[in-house]
Amino acid sequence: MRILFIHQNFPGQYRHLAPALAAAGHEVTGLRLARTAPAEWQGVKVVTYWPQRSSTPGIHPWVVDIETKVVRAEAAFRAMQAMAARGYRPDVVVAHPGWGESLFVKRVWPDTTLGLYCEFFYRVHGADWNFDREFQPADPGEDCRIDLKNANNLMQFETADAGLSPTTWQADTFPERFRSRITVCHDGIDTSTVTPDATARLRLPDGRELGRGDEVITFVNRNLEPYRGYHTFMRALPEIMARRPKAQVVIVGGSDVSYGRRAPDGTTWKQVFLDEVKDRVDMSRIHYLGRIPYADYLSVLRVSSVHTYLTYPYVLSWSLLEAMSAGCCIVASDTGPVRDVIREGETGRLVDFFDAGALAGAVCGLLAGKASERTALGRRARDAVVSRFDLATICLPGQMDWVLGLAGPATAAGEPAAPELQTAAPDDASEVRIAEAVATAEVAVPDVGAVPARKSPAKTRSPSAPAGTAATTRKKKSRSGRQAAR
């Protein structure tokens, strides 16, 4: 079968799925944003596209987001046209729609099945926007801007045949008329790599080492910002450190912004909230590691006595599931995406996102209790991830079955292939200018670990469904329905 993946920073979420399909004998191509890229990566052909213009200076702020997506969509459309002119026609296109690239797939290949990665549907109420009143914008017109951010999602679902979402909560953010076409299957956690290790050691920047015998409180995010509860965590530290005089606090994450608005006056959220509490904490016991290599990140999780994870009602971080896989004892926010994966008192403790006192109480209560109780929470957390989110046995087989099912049994079994493609050698995170955004995307294709070919399709469970249930999808569209959707 001929499969085209579209992702602005391919492989992105497809770093396991695309190579696995190639290893299973399918012809797999990835289309990504870059001026140049290696022509092949782990058996996957790589084709690039590049925008020919930037965002329009002075454009109405409510339409900045959709303009950036249209600019990318046009560039991807031109690249797909060139592929089609060379005789390339995919059986299935699998795309992340978040940057707009797949808007015009069916203008190039009207009869090709299109499956979308359904990460998030914006909502003015009930999700991240207007969740945190401390950062709520004064202008009510900002709600209108958020409504317009869904224009990209809405246009793409008019032509898409199916969707795949990593968690039930994320799938449920989509309107019902789209939700019925979405299957839930997570990207997967490599639980054979992310494991507990009682012998792990973490070397701090000052040369000291921490191990399992030390009292270590950990907090990990890509960037330290309100969306991931950094402000609540920092406000809990004075009480935590006063009650736990031997505790070491290890904080991992950058000073940039992944989601939401930037800090005022050219500062960073990291510094804003550190300044708020620094006179009430022992700074010698707070260790900022910044962004660190993956092996060091695993060491952080493995030496953790209590790991904290907080998030707005938004996309669930892989780091929470990896912390569970590492056997961490977890205190997390009682928000929708977290409740998808953690059960209070069974696989972790849940506290109100905004309640720094409750967070401090939960962390200190666990540290004051028996180590065996923390170990038991961590063991059950790991068991939950292994049974629901394991890459090799649950998620990757489920994703492969979904992709192969998009084309129907005849094509998946191997119909004659078409001619072979010859590849050519914000304040809001989604509203940065194209010229700025592409600079970060122009990187080498990551050398992620090879994924072995799967010998035969396996019936899998949805990682967000109870054991024994099938992968979650409300309804499957018939081919006649797909035609009508166009």
Protein backbone atom coordinates (compact mmCIF):
# COMPACT_ATOMS: atom_id res chain seq x y z
CA MET A 1 0.00 0.00 0.00
CA ARG A 2 1.18 3.53 -0.73
CA ILE A 3 0.93 5.85 2.29
CA LEU A 4 1.74 9.56 2.52
CA PHE A 5 2.29 11.20 5.92
CA ILE A 6 2.04 14.98 6.18
CA HIS A 7 3.50 16.73 9.20
CA GLN A 8 5.27 20.10 9.30
CA ASN A 9 8.12 18.54 11.32
CA PHE A 10 7.87 14.96 10.08
CA PRO A 11 8.03 12.41 11.63
CA GLY A 12 6.46 14.17 14.62
CA GLN A 13 3.80 11.90 16.12
CA TYR A 14 4.52 9.36 13.36
CA ARG A 15 8.10 8.61 14.40
CA HIS A 16 7.19 5.01 15.24
CA LEU A 17 4.23 4.45 12.92
CA ALA A 18 5.80 5.52 9.61
CA PRO A 19 8.94 3.33 9.91
CA ALA A 20 6.86 0.38 11.12
CA LEU A 21 4.64 0.56 8.05
CA ALA A 22 7.70 0.82 5.81
CA ALA A 23 9.26 -2.18 7.54
CA ALA A 24 6.04 -4.11 6.98
CA GLY A 25 6.48 -3.69 3.22
CA HIS A 26 4.38 -0.63 2.46
CA GLU A 27 5.64 2.30 0.39
CA VAL A 28 5.75 5.18 2.85
CA THR A 29 6.52 8.84 2.15
CA GLY A 30 6.69 11.81 4.52
CA LEU A 31 5.99 15.41 3.45
CA ARG A 32 7.55 17.99 5.76
CA LEU A 33 8.40 21.66 6.06
CA ALA A 34 12.08 22.19 5.23
CA ARG A 35 14.23 23.67 2.51
CA THR A 36 16.11 20.39 2.26
CA ALA A 37 16.09 17.09 4.11
CA PRO A 38 17.58 13.62 3.68
CA ALA A 39 15.78 11.81 0.86
CA GLU A 40 15.12 8.82 3.09
CA TRP A 41 14.75 8.16 6.81
CA GLN A 42 14.34 4.65 8.27
CA GLY A 43 12.86 3.30 5.04
CA VAL A 44 10.57 6.31 4.57
CA LYS A 45 11.00 8.62 1.57
CA VAL A 46 11.06 12.27 2.54
CA VAL A 47 9.71 15.13 0.39
CA THR A 48 9.91 18.76 1.45
CA TYR A 49 7.94 21.91 0.86
CA TRP A 50 8.71 25.54 1.68
CA PRO A 51 6.37 28.57 1.93
CA GLN A 52 6.87 31.25 -0.67
CA ARG A 53 5.62 34.11 1.49
CA SER A 54 5.32 35.20 5.12
CA SER A 55 2.39 36.47 7.14
CA THR A 56 1.01 39.85 6.10
CA PRO A 57 2.22 42.69 8.35
CA GLY A 58 -0.65 44.50 10.02
CA ILE A 59 -3.27 41.88 9.17
CA HIS A 60 -6.34 41.73 11.40
CA PRO A 61 -5.24 39.85 14.55
CA TRP A 62 -8.24 37.54 14.46
CA VAL A 63 -7.14 36.04 11.14
CA VAL A 64 -3.39 35.79 11.69
CA ASP A 65 -3.75 32.12 12.61
CA ILE A 66 -5.72 31.05 9.53
CA GLU A 67 -3.46 33.06 7.23
CA THR A 68 -0.36 31.22 8.46
CA LYS A 69 -2.15 27.93 7.85
CA VAL A 70 -3.19 28.94 4.34
CA VAL A 71 0.38 29.96 3.54
CA ARG A 72 1.61 26.51 4.59
CA ALA A 73 -1.33 24.82 2.87
CA GLU A 74 -0.50 26.49 -0.43
CA ALA A 75 3.14 25.44 -0.20
CA ALA A 76 2.15 21.85 0.61
CA PHE A 77 -0.43 21.92 -2.21
CA ARG A 78 2.27 22.92 -4.73
CA ALA A 79 4.53 20.13 -3.49
CA MET A 80 1.71 17.59 -3.79
CA GLN A 81 0.92 18.83 -7.29
CA ALA A 82 4.53 18.20 -8.25
CA MET A 83 4.36 14.71 -6.75
CA ALA A 84 1.17 13.97 -8.71
CA ALA A 85 2.76 15.25 -11.93
CA ARG A 86 5.52 12.65 -11.44
CA GLY A 87 2.87 9.92 -11.26
CA TYR A 88 2.53 9.61 -7.49
CA ARG A 89 -0.90 8.75 -6.08
CA PRO A 90 -1.22 7.59 -2.47
CA ASP A 91 -3.82 5.09 -1.33
CA VAL A 92 -4.00 6.82 2.04
CA VAL A 93 -2.90 10.22 3.32
CA VAL A 94 -2.37 10.54 7.08
CA ALA A 95 -1.88 14.13 8.21
CA HIS A 96 -1.58 16.34 11.25
CA PRO A 97 -3.90 19.21 10.32
CA GLY A 98 -2.67 21.61 12.99
CA TRP A 99 -0.47 23.70 10.67
CA GLY A 100 -2.78 23.64 7.65
CA GLU A 101 -0.71 21.52 5.24
CA SER A 102 -3.47 19.02 4.50
CA LEU A 103 -6.17 21.58 3.66
CA PHE A 104 -6.01 20.83 -0.07
CA VAL A 105 -5.05 17.14 -0.20
CA LYS A 106 -8.27 16.24 -2.01
CA ARG A 107 -7.76 18.95 -4.58
CA VAL A 108 -4.77 16.93 -5.71
CA TRP A 109 -6.01 13.38 -5.03
CA PRO A 110 -9.83 13.52 -4.75
CA ASP A 111 -10.24 9.74 -4.44
CA THR A 112 -7.54 9.18 -1.81
CA THR A 113 -8.63 8.42 1.75
CA LEU A 114 -7.61 11.14 4.22
CA GLY A 115 -7.10 10.42 7.92
CA LEU A 116 -6.34 13.26 10.33
CA TYR A 117 -4.53 13.35 13.66
CA CYS A 118 -7.13 14.97 15.93
CA GLU A 119 -5.10 16.60 18.65
CA PHE A 120 -7.37 19.39 19.85
CA PHE A 121 -10.47 21.40 18.94
CA TYR A 122 -10.49 24.91 20.38
CA ARG A 123 -13.29 25.90 22.73
CA VAL A 124 -14.02 29.25 24.34
CA HIS A 125 -15.35 27.44 27.41
CA GLY A 126 -14.69 23.97 28.79
CA ALA A 127 -11.04 23.61 27.81
CA ASP A 128 -7.88 25.72 28.09
CA TRP A 129 -9.27 29.09 27.02
CA ASN A 130 -10.80 31.08 29.91
CA PHE A 131 -9.72 28.33 32.32
CA ASP A 132 -7.20 30.42 34.27
CA ARG A 133 -8.72 33.76 35.27
CA GLU A 134 -5.30 35.09 36.28
CA PHE A 135 -4.37 35.22 32.60
CA GLN A 136 -7.80 35.85 31.09
CA PRO A 137 -7.62 38.62 28.45
CA ALA A 138 -9.48 41.83 29.11
CA ASP A 139 -10.76 42.08 25.54
CA PRO A 140 -13.89 39.92 25.01
CA GLY A 141 -13.03 39.96 21.32
CA GLU A 142 -10.31 37.43 22.07
CA ASP A 143 -13.07 34.82 22.33
CA CYS A 144 -13.93 35.58 18.70
CA ARG A 145 -10.31 35.00 17.73
CA ILE A 146 -10.41 31.58 19.40
CA ASP A 147 -13.60 30.70 17.50
CA LEU A 148 -11.81 31.55 14.25
CA LYS A 149 -8.84 29.33 15.12
CA ASN A 150 -11.15 26.38 14.44
CA ALA A 151 -11.64 27.43 10.81
CA ASN A 152 -8.72 25.18 9.89
CA ASN A 153 -10.17 22.19 11.75
CA LEU A 154 -13.64 22.73 10.31
CA MET A 155 -12.48 23.00 6.69
CA GLN A 156 -10.28 19.92 6.95
CA PHE A 157 -12.97 17.74 8.49
CA GLU A 158 -15.28 18.55 5.61
CA THR A 159 -13.00 16.49 3.36
CA ALA A 160 -11.46 14.03 5.86
CA ASP A 161 -12.65 10.45 6.01
CA ALA A 162 -11.53 9.57 9.53
CA GLY A 163 -9.59 10.83 12.52
CA LEU A 164 -7.24 9.45 15.15
CA SER A 165 -6.90 11.02 18.59
CA PRO A 166 -4.44 10.09 21.35
CA THR A 167 -6.90 10.27 24.27
CA THR A 168 -10.64 10.16 24.81
CA TRP A 169 -10.65 13.62 26.37
CA GLN A 170 -8.91 15.13 23.34
CA ALA A 171 -11.26 13.33 20.94
CA ASP A 172 -14.24 14.61 22.91
CA THR A 173 -13.22 18.24 22.35
CA PHE A 174 -14.40 17.82 18.74
CA PRO A 175 -18.05 18.43 17.79
CA GLU A 176 -20.18 15.30 17.60
CA ARG A 177 -20.50 15.41 13.82
CA PHE A 178 -16.70 14.94 13.70
CA ARG A 179 -16.30 12.93 16.90
CA SER A 180 -18.19 10.04 15.37
CA ARG A 181 -15.35 9.58 12.86
CA ILE A 182 -12.53 9.65 15.43
CA THR A 183 -10.80 6.54 16.74
CA VAL A 184 -8.88 6.81 20.02
CA CYS A 185 -5.38 5.35 20.05
CA HIS A 186 -2.38 6.95 21.72
CA ASP A 187 1.02 7.47 20.05
CA GLY A 188 2.44 4.98 22.55
CA ILE A 189 5.00 4.87 25.35
CA ASP A 190 8.09 2.68 25.06
CA THR A 191 7.60 1.01 28.43
CA SER A 192 10.54 -1.32 27.83
CA THR A 193 12.83 1.73 27.81
CA VAL A 194 11.05 3.95 30.34
CA THR A 195 11.34 1.72 33.39
CA PRO A 196 11.97 2.10 37.12
CA ASP A 197 15.58 1.76 38.24
CA ALA A 198 16.39 1.67 41.94
CA THR A 199 20.09 2.20 41.19
CA ALA A 200 19.61 5.38 39.14
CA ARG A 201 21.70 8.44 39.96
CA LEU A 202 21.19 12.03 38.87
CA ARG A 203 24.15 14.39 38.75
CA LEU A 204 23.21 18.01 39.44
CA PRO A 205 24.94 21.00 37.83
CA ASP A 206 26.87 21.67 41.05
CA GLY A 207 28.32 18.13 41.01
CA ARG A 208 26.12 16.64 43.71
CA GLU A 209 24.33 13.38 43.00
CA LEU A 210 20.81 12.32 43.93
CA GLY A 211 19.52 8.77 44.18
CA ARG A 212 16.48 6.84 45.32
CA GLY A 213 17.54 7.26 48.94
CA ASP A 214 17.15 11.02 48.71
CA GLU A 215 13.93 12.99 49.02
CA VAL A 216 13.42 14.38 45.51
CA ILE A 217 10.44 16.34 44.20
CA THR A 218 10.37 16.60 40.41
CA PHE A 219 8.56 18.84 37.94
CA VAL A 220 9.04 18.38 34.19
CA ASN A 221 7.75 20.24 31.15
CA ARG A 222 9.05 21.31 27.76
CA ASN A 223 8.78 24.92 28.95
CA LEU A 224 8.00 26.38 32.36
CA GLU A 225 4.71 28.22 31.85
CA PRO A 226 1.19 28.64 33.23
CA TYR A 227 -0.43 26.15 30.80
CA ARG A 228 1.49 23.40 32.58
CA GLY A 229 0.93 24.72 36.08
CA TYR A 230 4.37 26.13 36.76
CA HIS A 231 2.88 29.06 38.72
CA THR A 232 0.88 26.75 41.00
CA PHE A 233 3.89 24.51 41.56
CA MET A 234 6.13 27.42 42.50
CA ARG A 235 3.50 28.83 44.87
CA ALA A 236 3.40 25.46 46.64
CA LEU A 237 7.16 25.35 47.19
CA PRO A 238 7.42 27.61 50.28
CA GLU A 239 5.14 25.31 52.28
CA ILE A 240 6.66 22.13 50.84
CA MET A 241 10.23 23.18 51.60
CA ALA A 242 9.33 24.42 55.08
CA ARG A 243 7.67 21.12 55.95
CA ARG A 244 10.30 18.95 54.23
CA PRO A 245 13.71 20.46 55.15
CA LYS A 246 15.65 17.70 53.38
CA ALA A 247 13.71 17.76 50.12
CA GLN A 248 15.53 18.55 46.89
CA VAL A 249 13.44 20.10 44.11
CA VAL A 250 14.43 19.26 40.52
CA ILE A 251 12.80 21.33 37.76
CA VAL A 252 13.22 20.42 34.08
CA GLY A 253 12.12 22.68 31.23
CA GLY A 254 13.03 25.63 29.07
CA SER A 255 12.28 29.31 29.50
CA ASP A 256 10.37 29.78 26.26
CA VAL A 257 6.62 29.48 25.66
CA SER A 258 4.97 26.44 24.10
CA TYR A 259 1.37 27.48 24.73
CA GLY A 260 -0.41 30.70 25.54
CA ARG A 261 0.96 34.18 26.02
CA ARG A 262 4.49 35.27 26.72
CA ALA A 263 5.46 36.81 30.04
CA PRO A 264 5.28 40.63 30.21
CA ASP A 265 8.13 43.08 29.78
CA GLY A 266 10.52 40.74 28.03
CA THR A 267 10.93 38.46 31.03
CA THR A 268 10.05 34.74 31.28
CA TRP A 269 7.40 32.87 33.22
CA LYS A 270 10.21 30.91 34.84
CA GLN A 271 11.63 34.11 36.34
CA VAL A 272 8.28 35.75 37.11
CA PHE A 273 7.16 32.98 39.42
CA LEU A 274 10.60 32.30 40.85
CA ASP A 275 10.80 35.97 41.83
CA GLU A 276 7.42 35.63 43.52
CA VAL A 277 8.68 33.00 46.00
CA LYS A 278 12.48 33.20 46.07
CA ASP A 279 12.57 35.04 49.41
CA ARG A 280 10.55 32.24 51.02
CA VAL A 281 12.42 29.17 49.78
CA ASP A 282 15.89 27.67 50.17
CA MET A 283 17.36 28.28 46.73
CA SER A 284 20.22 25.85 47.43
CA ARG A 285 17.66 23.04 47.28
CA ILE A 286 16.00 24.10 44.02
CA HIS A 287 17.76 22.82 40.91
CA TYR A 288 16.81 24.15 37.48
CA LEU A 289 18.19 21.77 34.84
CA GLY A 290 16.76 23.47 31.74
CA ARG A 291 16.31 21.18 28.75
CA ILE A 292 18.33 18.02 29.15
CA PRO A 293 19.21 14.87 27.14
CA TYR A 294 16.65 12.08 27.21
CA ALA A 295 18.87 9.78 29.28
CA ASP A 296 19.20 12.46 31.95
CA TYR A 297 15.46 13.05 31.84
CA LEU A 298 14.89 9.37 32.57
CA SER A 299 17.29 9.66 35.51
CA VAL A 300 15.20 12.54 36.85
CA LEU A 301 12.08 10.36 36.77
CA ARG A 302 13.86 7.36 38.28
CA VAL A 303 15.20 9.21 41.33
CA SER A 304 11.93 11.04 41.96
CA SER A 305 10.23 10.52 45.32
CA VAL A 306 7.15 12.50 44.24
CA HIS A 307 6.58 13.73 40.69
CA THR A 308 4.21 16.62 40.04
CA TYR A 309 2.29 17.21 36.82
CA LEU A 310 -0.19 20.04 36.30
CA THR A 311 -1.98 21.06 33.14
CA TYR A 312 -4.83 23.19 31.89
CA PRO A 313 -7.61 21.19 30.16
CA TYR A 314 -5.46 20.79 27.08
CA VAL A 315 -3.34 18.25 25.21
CA LEU A 316 -1.92 15.63 27.58
CA SER A 317 1.88 15.60 27.82
CA TRP A 318 3.83 12.46 27.01
CA SER A 319 5.89 13.25 30.12
CA LEU A 320 3.02 12.28 32.44
CA LEU A 321 2.71 8.85 30.85
CA GLU A 322 6.49 8.44 30.86
CA ALA A 323 6.56 9.34 34.56
CA MET A 324 3.93 6.66 35.17
CA SER A 325 5.93 4.18 33.10
CA ALA A 326 9.02 4.97 35.20
CA GLY A 327 7.06 4.05 38.33
CA CYS A 328 6.84 7.58 39.73
CA CYS A 329 4.58 8.42 42.64
CA ILE A 330 2.53 11.21 41.06
CA VAL A 331 0.55 14.21 42.27
CA ALA A 332 -1.31 15.75 39.34
CA SER A 333 -4.00 18.29 38.53
CA ASP A 334 -7.61 17.17 38.68
CA THR A 335 -8.30 18.25 35.10
CA GLY A 336 -9.98 16.38 32.25
CA PRO A 337 -6.95 15.13 30.32
CA VAL A 338 -5.32 13.87 33.53
CA ARG A 339 -8.45 12.06 34.70
CA ASP A 340 -8.25 10.12 31.44
CA VAL A 341 -5.15 8.33 32.75
CA ILE A 342 -4.88 8.70 36.56
CA ARG A 343 -7.35 7.36 39.09
CA GLU A 344 -7.33 9.17 42.42
CA GLY A 345 -5.69 7.08 45.15
CA GLU A 346 -5.02 4.18 42.80
CA THR A 347 -2.43 5.38 40.28
CA GLY A 348 -1.75 8.83 41.75
CA ARG A 349 -3.15 11.73 43.70
CA LEU A 350 -5.27 14.45 42.09
CA VAL A 351 -5.54 18.03 43.37
CA ASP A 352 -7.25 21.21 42.21
CA PHE A 353 -5.07 22.85 39.55
CA PHE A 354 -5.16 26.26 41.28
CA ASP A 355 -4.83 25.13 44.90
CA ALA A 356 -1.16 25.45 45.83
CA GLY A 357 -1.98 24.51 49.42
CA ALA A 358 -3.63 21.27 48.33
CA LEU A 359 -0.65 20.48 46.12
CA ALA A 360 1.75 21.10 49.01
CA GLY A 361 -0.40 18.98 51.32
CA ALA A 362 -0.53 16.05 48.90
CA VAL A 363 3.22 16.12 48.21
CA CYS A 364 4.16 16.44 51.87
CA GLY A 365 1.66 13.79 52.91
CA LEU A 366 3.20 11.28 50.51
CA LEU A 367 6.74 12.16 51.61
CA ALA A 368 5.77 11.80 55.26
CA GLY A 369 4.21 8.42 54.63
CA LYS A 370 5.87 5.08 54.06
CA ALA A 371 8.12 4.66 51.05
CA SER A 372 6.30 1.40 50.34
CA GLU A 373 3.06 3.35 49.82
CA ARG A 374 4.70 5.62 47.26
CA THR A 375 6.23 2.60 45.56
CA ALA A 376 2.82 0.93 45.38
CA LEU A 377 1.27 4.00 43.75
CA GLY A 378 4.10 4.08 41.23
CA ARG A 379 3.82 0.38 40.49
CA ARG A 380 0.09 0.66 39.79
CA ALA A 381 0.74 3.72 37.62
CA ARG A 382 3.26 1.74 35.57
CA ASP A 383 0.89 -1.21 35.28
CA ALA A 384 -1.80 1.14 33.93
CA VAL A 385 0.51 2.55 31.25
CA VAL A 386 1.79 -0.89 30.23
CA SER A 387 -1.77 -2.21 29.85
CA ARG A 388 -3.18 0.81 28.01
CA PHE A 389 -0.38 2.77 26.36
CA ASP A 390 2.45 0.39 25.60
CA LEU A 391 3.96 1.19 22.23
CA ALA A 392 4.83 -2.31 21.03
CA THR A 393 1.77 -4.28 22.16
CA ILE A 394 -1.10 -1.78 22.22
CA CYS A 395 -0.60 1.53 20.43
CA LEU A 396 1.58 0.77 17.42
CA PRO A 397 -0.51 -2.25 16.36
CA GLY A 398 -3.66 -0.18 16.87
CA GLN A 399 -2.33 2.70 14.78
CA MET A 400 -1.24 0.34 12.00
CA ASP A 401 -4.63 -1.32 11.93
CA TRP A 402 -6.28 2.10 11.69
CA VAL A 403 -4.09 3.20 8.76
CA LEU A 404 -4.52 -0.06 6.88
CA GLY A 405 -8.25 0.02 7.51
CA LEU A 406 -8.56 3.45 5.89
CA ALA A 407 -7.88 2.04 2.43
CA GLY A 408 -10.04 -1.06 2.72
CA PRO A 409 -8.96 -4.71 2.68
CA ALA A 410 -8.13 -4.98 -1.02
CA THR A 411 -5.65 -2.11 -1.06
CA ALA A 412 -4.17 -3.01 2.33
CA ALA A 413 -3.56 -6.53 1.04
CA GLY A 414 -1.57 -5.17 -1.86
CA GLU A 415 -3.16 -3.89 -5.04
CA PRO A 416 -0.77 -2.99 -7.89
CA ALA A 417 1.25 0.09 -7.00
CA ALA A 418 1.17 3.31 -8.95
CA PRO A 419 4.38 4.62 -10.57
CA GLU A 420 7.16 5.21 -8.06
CA LEU A 421 7.73 8.73 -6.82
CA GLN A 422 11.13 10.27 -7.49
CA THR A 423 11.95 12.41 -4.46
CA ALA A 424 13.84 15.64 -4.69
CA ALA A 425 16.95 15.88 -2.97
CA PRO A 426 3.18 34.39 19.45
CA ASP A 427 1.66 35.42 21.91
CA ASP A 428 -0.10 32.29 20.78
CA ALA A 429 2.17 29.42 19.73
CA SER A 430 0.26 28.89 16.48
CA GLU A 431 0.32 32.56 15.50
CA VAL A 432 3.99 33.22 15.00
CA ARG A 433 5.02 34.51 11.63
CA ILE A 434 5.86 31.93 9.00
CA ALA A 435 9.34 33.37 8.61
CA GLU A 436 9.97 32.83 12.34
CA ALA A 437 8.29 29.45 12.57
CA VAL A 438 10.09 27.80 9.71
CA ALA A 439 13.46 28.58 11.23
CA THR A 440 12.77 26.12 14.05
CA ALA A 441 11.41 23.51 11.67
CA GLU A 442 14.48 23.44 9.47
CA VAL A 443 16.25 20.65 11.34
CA ALA A 444 17.63 17.25 10.49
CA VAL A 445 15.14 14.39 10.48
CA PRO A 446 15.52 12.87 13.97
CA ASP A 447 17.27 9.55 14.28
CA VAL A 448 14.70 7.82 16.43
CA GLY A 449 15.09 4.17 17.21
CA ALA A 450 14.13 1.66 14.54
CA VAL A 451 10.80 -0.05 14.99
CA PRO A 452 10.59 -3.74 14.07
CA ALA A 453 8.07 -4.81 11.48
CA ARG A 454 4.87 -6.28 12.79
CA LYS A 455 4.31 -9.76 11.37
CA SER A 456 0.52 -9.65 11.31
CA PRO A 457 -2.27 -7.28 12.30
CA ALA A 458 -3.45 -7.68 15.86
CA LYS A 459 -6.80 -6.94 17.41
CA THR A 460 -6.08 -4.19 19.90
CA ARG A 461 -7.81 -2.28 22.63
CA SER A 462 -8.18 1.44 22.70
CA PRO A 463 -5.63 2.70 25.22
CA SER A 464 -8.36 4.89 26.66
CA ALA A 465 -10.89 2.06 26.97
CA PRO A 466 -11.17 -0.59 29.69
CA ALA A 467 -9.42 -3.90 29.11
CA GLY A 468 -11.34 -6.16 26.81
CA THR A 469 -12.97 -3.42 24.76
CA ALA A 470 -12.23 -2.62 21.15
CA ALA A 471 -10.58 0.55 19.91
CA THR A 472 -12.94 3.47 20.31
CA THR A 473 -14.70 4.92 17.31
CA ARG A 474 -18.32 6.02 17.17
CA LYS A 475 -19.11 5.23 13.53
CA LYS A 476 -17.17 4.35 10.43
CA LYS A 477 -18.01 6.15 7.23
CA SER A 478 -18.70 4.09 4.15
CA ARG A 479 -16.94 4.91 0.92
CA SER A 480 -20.17 6.48 -0.30
CA GLY A 481 -20.13 8.62 2.84
CA ARG A 482 -16.56 9.63 2.10
CA GLN A 483 -17.59 10.78 -1.35
CA ALA A 484 -20.42 12.80 0.10
CA ALA A 485 -18.07 14.44 2.60
CA ARG A 486 -16.09 15.94 -0.22
